[in-house]
Amino acid sequence: MDDRTFVTLPDMFKGFIVQEPKVNKHYEAVKPVSERWLAKYMLTVLLSAFGAPAMRLLTDDEEDGQRL
């Protein structure tokens, strides 16, 4: 009786990014649209997210500060 188990190990030195990544066929068409949207709205979102804790500190009313 043969008690050996054979295991095949993958080549750990071969990167998984070696292959050319697949690109969505609509990527080139929507890229400029999404970049404009991000440029327009993300600054507002980032400022709001970072500004919210500071706005809480600017209020004298503790309950109002907790709602912000």
PDB file of N, CA and C in Angstrom:
ATOM      1  N   MET A   1       0.847  -1.177   0.000  1.00  0.00           N
ATOM      2  CA  MET A   1       0.000   0.000   0.000  1.00  0.00           C
ATOM      3  C   MET A   1       0.892   1.240   0.000  1.00  0.00           C
ATOM      4  N   ASP A   2       0.524   2.216  -0.810  1.00  0.00           N
ATOM      5  CA  ASP A   2       1.307   3.441  -0.957  1.00  0.00           C
ATOM      6  C   ASP A   2       0.673   4.558  -0.129  1.00  0.00           C
ATOM      7  N   ASP A   3       1.393   5.032   0.926  1.00  0.00           N
ATOM      8  CA  ASP A   3       0.867   6.069   1.808  1.00  0.00           C
ATOM      9  C   ASP A   3       1.314   7.478   1.410  1.00  0.00           C
ATOM     10  N   ARG A   4       1.906   7.616   0.269  1.00  0.00           N
ATOM     11  CA  ARG A   4       2.376   8.939  -0.145  1.00  0.00           C
ATOM     12  C   ARG A   4       1.227   9.762  -0.731  1.00  0.00           C
ATOM     13  N   THR A   5       1.282  11.060  -0.455  1.00  0.00           N
ATOM     14  CA  THR A   5       0.324  12.004  -1.030  1.00  0.00           C
ATOM     15  C   THR A   5       1.093  12.983  -1.899  1.00  0.00           C
ATOM     16  N   PHE A   6       0.649  13.163  -3.102  1.00  0.00           N
ATOM     17  CA  PHE A   6       1.307  14.091  -4.012  1.00  0.00           C
ATOM     18  C   PHE A   6       0.571  15.427  -4.000  1.00  0.00           C
ATOM     19  N   VAL A   7       1.355  16.465  -3.857  1.00  0.00           N
ATOM     20  CA  VAL A   7       0.801  17.817  -3.837  1.00  0.00           C
ATOM     21  C   VAL A   7       1.522  18.632  -4.898  1.00  0.00           C
ATOM     22  N   THR A   8       0.764  19.363  -5.694  1.00  0.00           N
ATOM     23  CA  THR A   8       1.363  20.240  -6.698  1.00  0.00           C
ATOM     24  C   THR A   8       1.274  21.674  -6.195  1.00  0.00           C
ATOM     25  N   LEU A   9       2.421  22.301  -6.011  1.00  0.00           N
ATOM     26  CA  LEU A   9       2.460  23.681  -5.542  1.00  0.00           C
ATOM     27  C   LEU A   9       2.527  24.629  -6.735  1.00  0.00           C
ATOM     28  N   PRO A  10       1.816  25.738  -6.654  1.00  0.00           N
ATOM     29  CA  PRO A  10       1.895  26.702  -7.748  1.00  0.00           C
ATOM     30  C   PRO A  10       3.247  27.413  -7.731  1.00  0.00           C
ATOM     31  N   ASP A  11       3.613  27.983  -8.847  1.00  0.00           N
ATOM     32  CA  ASP A  11       4.852  28.746  -8.940  1.00  0.00           C
ATOM     33  C   ASP A  11       4.654  30.053  -8.175  1.00  0.00           C
ATOM     34  N   MET A  12       5.232  30.155  -6.998  1.00  0.00           N
ATOM     35  CA  MET A  12       5.041  31.324  -6.144  1.00  0.00           C
ATOM     36  C   MET A  12       5.819  32.547  -6.635  1.00  0.00           C
ATOM     37  N   PHE A  13       6.710  32.350  -7.571  1.00  0.00           N
ATOM     38  CA  PHE A  13       7.504  33.462  -8.076  1.00  0.00           C
ATOM     39  C   PHE A  13       6.895  34.073  -9.333  1.00  0.00           C
ATOM     40  N   LYS A  14       5.797  33.525  -9.776  1.00  0.00           N
ATOM     41  CA  LYS A  14       5.110  34.078 -10.937  1.00  0.00           C
ATOM     42  C   LYS A  14       4.010  34.997 -10.419  1.00  0.00           C
ATOM     43  N   GLY A  15       4.088  36.261 -10.784  1.00  0.00           N
ATOM     44  CA  GLY A  15       3.092  37.219 -10.316  1.00  0.00           C
ATOM     45  C   GLY A  15       1.748  37.006 -10.986  1.00  0.00           C
ATOM     46  N   PHE A  16       0.702  37.329 -10.273  1.00  0.00           N
ATOM     47  CA  PHE A  16      -0.623  37.187 -10.857  1.00  0.00           C
ATOM     48  C   PHE A  16      -0.975  38.391 -11.720  1.00  0.00           C
ATOM     49  N   ILE A  17      -0.156  39.447 -11.688  1.00  0.00           N
ATOM     50  CA  ILE A  17      -0.400  40.625 -12.509  1.00  0.00           C
ATOM     51  C   ILE A  17       0.432  40.571 -13.794  1.00  0.00           C
ATOM     52  N   VAL A  18       1.100  39.490 -14.023  1.00  0.00           N
ATOM     53  CA  VAL A  18       1.924  39.357 -15.220  1.00  0.00           C
ATOM     54  C   VAL A  18       1.047  39.425 -16.470  1.00  0.00           C
ATOM     55  N   GLN A  19      -0.133  38.892 -16.370  1.00  0.00           N
ATOM     56  CA  GLN A  19      -1.045  38.915 -17.508  1.00  0.00           C
ATOM     57  C   GLN A  19      -1.612  40.323 -17.683  1.00  0.00           C
ATOM     58  N   GLU A  20      -1.926  40.673 -18.897  1.00  0.00           N
ATOM     59  CA  GLU A  20      -2.550  41.968 -19.182  1.00  0.00           C
ATOM     60  C   GLU A  20      -3.946  41.979 -18.550  1.00  0.00           C
ATOM     61  N   PRO A  21      -4.247  42.970 -17.712  1.00  0.00           N
ATOM     62  CA  PRO A  21      -5.563  42.982 -17.064  1.00  0.00           C
ATOM     63  C   PRO A  21      -6.676  43.236 -18.079  1.00  0.00           C
ATOM     64  N   LYS A  22      -7.829  42.657 -17.815  1.00  0.00           N
ATOM     65  CA  LYS A  22      -8.986  42.885 -18.677  1.00  0.00           C
ATOM     66  C   LYS A  22      -9.552  44.262 -18.354  1.00  0.00           C
ATOM     67  N   VAL A  23      -9.913  44.994 -19.378  1.00  0.00           N
ATOM     68  CA  VAL A  23     -10.470  46.336 -19.210  1.00  0.00           C
ATOM     69  C   VAL A  23     -11.903  46.317 -19.724  1.00  0.00           C
ATOM     70  N   ASN A  24     -12.790  46.898 -18.928  1.00  0.00           N
ATOM     71  CA  ASN A  24     -14.183  46.994 -19.328  1.00  0.00           C
ATOM     72  C   ASN A  24     -14.271  47.726 -20.664  1.00  0.00           C
ATOM     73  N   LYS A  25     -15.096  47.242 -21.568  1.00  0.00           N
ATOM     74  CA  LYS A  25     -15.169  47.834 -22.905  1.00  0.00           C
ATOM     75  C   LYS A  25     -15.718  49.264 -22.878  1.00  0.00           C
ATOM     76  N   HIS A  26     -16.360  49.668 -21.802  1.00  0.00           N
ATOM     77  CA  HIS A  26     -16.910  51.020 -21.686  1.00  0.00           C
ATOM     78  C   HIS A  26     -15.967  51.970 -20.945  1.00  0.00           C
ATOM     79  N   TYR A  27     -14.836  51.481 -20.509  1.00  0.00           N
ATOM     80  CA  TYR A  27     -13.922  52.261 -19.669  1.00  0.00           C
ATOM     81  C   TYR A  27     -13.524  53.589 -20.307  1.00  0.00           C
ATOM     82  N   GLU A  28     -13.055  53.560 -21.539  1.00  0.00           N
ATOM     83  CA  GLU A  28     -12.580  54.786 -22.191  1.00  0.00           C
ATOM     84  C   GLU A  28     -13.701  55.807 -22.350  1.00  0.00           C
ATOM     85  N   ALA A  29     -14.919  55.348 -22.577  1.00  0.00           N
ATOM     86  CA  ALA A  29     -16.048  56.263 -22.760  1.00  0.00           C
ATOM     87  C   ALA A  29     -16.464  56.922 -21.452  1.00  0.00           C
ATOM     88  N   VAL A  30     -16.433  56.180 -20.350  1.00  0.00           N
ATOM     89  CA  VAL A  30     -16.924  56.731 -19.085  1.00  0.00           C
ATOM     90  C   VAL A  30     -15.830  57.351 -18.225  1.00  0.00           C
ATOM     91  N   LYS A  31     -14.585  57.117 -18.557  1.00  0.00           N
ATOM     92  CA  LYS A  31     -13.487  57.647 -17.753  1.00  0.00           C
ATOM     93  C   LYS A  31     -13.552  59.171 -17.613  1.00  0.00           C
ATOM     94  N   PRO A  32     -13.666  59.939 -18.699  1.00  0.00           N
ATOM     95  CA  PRO A  32     -13.709  61.394 -18.533  1.00  0.00           C
ATOM     96  C   PRO A  32     -14.945  61.866 -17.769  1.00  0.00           C
ATOM     97  N   VAL A  33     -16.059  61.174 -17.943  1.00  0.00           N
ATOM     98  CA  VAL A  33     -17.283  61.541 -17.231  1.00  0.00           C
ATOM     99  C   VAL A  33     -17.091  61.344 -15.731  1.00  0.00           C
ATOM    100  N   SER A  34     -16.525  60.211 -15.346  1.00  0.00           N
ATOM    101  CA  SER A  34     -16.322  59.938 -13.919  1.00  0.00           C
ATOM    102  C   SER A  34     -15.271  60.866 -13.321  1.00  0.00           C
ATOM    103  N   GLU A  35     -14.249  61.201 -14.093  1.00  0.00           N
ATOM    104  CA  GLU A  35     -13.230  62.123 -13.583  1.00  0.00           C
ATOM    105  C   GLU A  35     -13.815  63.507 -13.331  1.00  0.00           C
ATOM    106  N   ARG A  36     -14.687  63.975 -14.227  1.00  0.00           N
ATOM    107  CA  ARG A  36     -15.335  65.275 -14.008  1.00  0.00           C
ATOM    108  C   ARG A  36     -16.224  65.227 -12.773  1.00  0.00           C
ATOM    109  N   TRP A  37     -16.976  64.130 -12.615  1.00  0.00           N
ATOM    110  CA  TRP A  37     -17.851  64.000 -11.454  1.00  0.00           C
ATOM    111  C   TRP A  37     -17.039  64.018 -10.165  1.00  0.00           C
ATOM    112  N   LEU A  38     -15.961  63.246 -10.150  1.00  0.00           N
ATOM    113  CA  LEU A  38     -15.117  63.202  -8.959  1.00  0.00           C
ATOM    114  C   LEU A  38     -14.524  64.568  -8.654  1.00  0.00           C
ATOM    115  N   ALA A  39     -14.051  65.262  -9.675  1.00  0.00           N
ATOM    116  CA  ALA A  39     -13.466  66.581  -9.464  1.00  0.00           C
ATOM    117  C   ALA A  39     -14.501  67.550  -8.906  1.00  0.00           C
ATOM    118  N   LYS A  40     -15.733  67.429  -9.340  1.00  0.00           N
ATOM    119  CA  LYS A  40     -16.780  68.357  -8.908  1.00  0.00           C
ATOM    120  C   LYS A  40     -17.308  68.040  -7.504  1.00  0.00           C
ATOM    121  N   TYR A  41     -17.555  66.767  -7.225  1.00  0.00           N
ATOM    122  CA  TYR A  41     -18.248  66.399  -5.993  1.00  0.00           C
ATOM    123  C   TYR A  41     -17.359  65.878  -4.869  1.00  0.00           C
ATOM    124  N   MET A  42     -16.257  65.273  -5.191  1.00  0.00           N
ATOM    125  CA  MET A  42     -15.461  64.658  -4.131  1.00  0.00           C
ATOM    126  C   MET A  42     -14.814  65.682  -3.218  1.00  0.00           C
ATOM    127  N   LEU A  43     -14.443  66.838  -3.737  1.00  0.00           N
ATOM    128  CA  LEU A  43     -13.874  67.864  -2.870  1.00  0.00           C
ATOM    129  C   LEU A  43     -14.894  68.268  -1.817  1.00  0.00           C
ATOM    130  N   THR A  44     -16.142  68.422  -2.234  1.00  0.00           N
ATOM    131  CA  THR A  44     -17.209  68.766  -1.292  1.00  0.00           C
ATOM    132  C   THR A  44     -17.387  67.664  -0.255  1.00  0.00           C
ATOM    133  N   VAL A  45     -17.379  66.425  -0.698  1.00  0.00           N
ATOM    134  CA  VAL A  45     -17.547  65.297   0.219  1.00  0.00           C
ATOM    135  C   VAL A  45     -16.387  65.239   1.205  1.00  0.00           C
ATOM    136  N   LEU A  46     -15.170  65.402   0.708  1.00  0.00           N
ATOM    137  CA  LEU A  46     -14.008  65.350   1.595  1.00  0.00           C
ATOM    138  C   LEU A  46     -14.028  66.482   2.604  1.00  0.00           C
ATOM    139  N   LEU A  47     -14.352  67.684   2.144  1.00  0.00           N
ATOM    140  CA  LEU A  47     -14.404  68.809   3.071  1.00  0.00           C
ATOM    141  C   LEU A  47     -15.497  68.604   4.107  1.00  0.00           C
ATOM    142  N   SER A  48     -16.621  68.056   3.687  1.00  0.00           N
ATOM    143  CA  SER A  48     -17.709  67.805   4.628  1.00  0.00           C
ATOM    144  C   SER A  48     -17.308  66.752   5.651  1.00  0.00           C
ATOM    145  N   ALA A  49     -16.672  65.694   5.197  1.00  0.00           N
ATOM    146  CA  ALA A  49     -16.283  64.613   6.100  1.00  0.00           C
ATOM    147  C   ALA A  49     -15.240  65.077   7.104  1.00  0.00           C
ATOM    148  N   PHE A  50     -14.259  65.840   6.637  1.00  0.00           N
ATOM    149  CA  PHE A  50     -13.226  66.304   7.548  1.00  0.00           C
ATOM    150  C   PHE A  50     -13.699  67.484   8.386  1.00  0.00           C
ATOM    151  N   GLY A  51     -14.638  68.240   7.856  1.00  0.00           N
ATOM    152  CA  GLY A  51     -15.102  69.418   8.568  1.00  0.00           C
ATOM    153  C   GLY A  51     -16.134  69.127   9.635  1.00  0.00           C
ATOM    154  N   ALA A  52     -16.813  68.016   9.547  1.00  0.00           N
ATOM    155  CA  ALA A  52     -17.892  67.711  10.486  1.00  0.00           C
ATOM    156  C   ALA A  52     -17.426  67.690  11.938  1.00  0.00           C
ATOM    157  N   PRO A  53     -16.325  67.036  12.280  1.00  0.00           N
ATOM    158  CA  PRO A  53     -15.890  67.069  13.684  1.00  0.00           C
ATOM    159  C   PRO A  53     -15.530  68.478  14.143  1.00  0.00           C
ATOM    160  N   ALA A  54     -14.938  69.268  13.269  1.00  0.00           N
ATOM    161  CA  ALA A  54     -14.578  70.635  13.641  1.00  0.00           C
ATOM    162  C   ALA A  54     -15.823  71.483  13.830  1.00  0.00           C
ATOM    163  N   MET A  55     -16.840  71.278  13.008  1.00  0.00           N
ATOM    164  CA  MET A  55     -18.082  72.043  13.141  1.00  0.00           C
ATOM    165  C   MET A  55     -18.734  71.763  14.487  1.00  0.00           C
ATOM    166  N   ARG A  56     -18.599  70.563  14.966  1.00  0.00           N
ATOM    167  CA  ARG A  56     -19.171  70.205  16.264  1.00  0.00           C
ATOM    168  C   ARG A  56     -18.533  71.031  17.371  1.00  0.00           C
ATOM    169  N   LEU A  57     -17.250  71.318  17.220  1.00  0.00           N
ATOM    170  CA  LEU A  57     -16.547  72.088  18.237  1.00  0.00           C
ATOM    171  C   LEU A  57     -16.924  73.562  18.210  1.00  0.00           C
ATOM    172  N   LEU A  58     -17.458  74.051  17.090  1.00  0.00           N
ATOM    173  CA  LEU A  58     -17.769  75.469  16.955  1.00  0.00           C
ATOM    174  C   LEU A  58     -19.096  75.851  17.586  1.00  0.00           C
ATOM    175  N   THR A  59     -19.908  74.897  17.947  1.00  0.00           N
ATOM    176  CA  THR A  59     -21.212  75.215  18.503  1.00  0.00           C
ATOM    177  C   THR A  59     -21.144  75.288  20.030  1.00  0.00           C
ATOM    178  N   ASP A  60     -21.946  76.177  20.586  1.00  0.00           N
ATOM    179  CA  ASP A  60     -22.011  76.310  22.045  1.00  0.00           C
ATOM    180  C   ASP A  60     -23.002  75.319  22.649  1.00  0.00           C
ATOM    181  N   ASP A  61     -23.952  74.896  21.850  1.00  0.00           N
ATOM    182  CA  ASP A  61     -24.992  73.992  22.320  1.00  0.00           C
ATOM    183  C   ASP A  61     -24.492  72.552  22.198  1.00  0.00           C
ATOM    184  N   GLU A  62     -24.350  71.871  23.327  1.00  0.00           N
ATOM    185  CA  GLU A  62     -23.798  70.515  23.320  1.00  0.00           C
ATOM    186  C   GLU A  62     -24.666  69.543  22.532  1.00  0.00           C
ATOM    187  N   GLU A  63     -25.996  69.640  22.686  1.00  0.00           N
ATOM    188  CA  GLU A  63     -26.883  68.738  21.948  1.00  0.00           C
ATOM    189  C   GLU A  63     -26.803  68.999  20.451  1.00  0.00           C
ATOM    190  N   ASP A  64     -26.747  70.268  20.068  1.00  0.00           N
ATOM    191  CA  ASP A  64     -26.632  70.610  18.653  1.00  0.00           C
ATOM    192  C   ASP A  64     -25.310  70.092  18.105  1.00  0.00           C
ATOM    193  N   GLY A  65     -24.261  70.180  18.884  1.00  0.00           N
ATOM    194  CA  GLY A  65     -22.960  69.680  18.463  1.00  0.00           C
ATOM    195  C   GLY A  65     -22.969  68.180  18.259  1.00  0.00           C
ATOM    196  N   GLN A  66     -23.725  67.455  19.069  1.00  0.00           N
ATOM    197  CA  GLN A  66     -23.810  66.008  18.913  1.00  0.00           C
ATOM    198  C   GLN A  66     -24.564  65.629  17.645  1.00  0.00           C
ATOM    199  N   ARG A  67     -25.536  66.459  17.228  1.00  0.00           N
ATOM    200  CA  ARG A  67     -26.296  66.170  16.009  1.00  0.00           C
ATOM    201  C   ARG A  67     -25.440  66.365  14.775  1.00  0.00           C
ATOM    202  N   LEU A  68     -24.487  67.283  14.809  1.00  0.00           N
ATOM    203  CA  LEU A  68     -23.626  67.511  13.655  1.00  0.00           C
ATOM    204  C   LEU A  68     -22.739  66.336  13.518  1.00  0.00           C
TER     205      LEU A  68
END
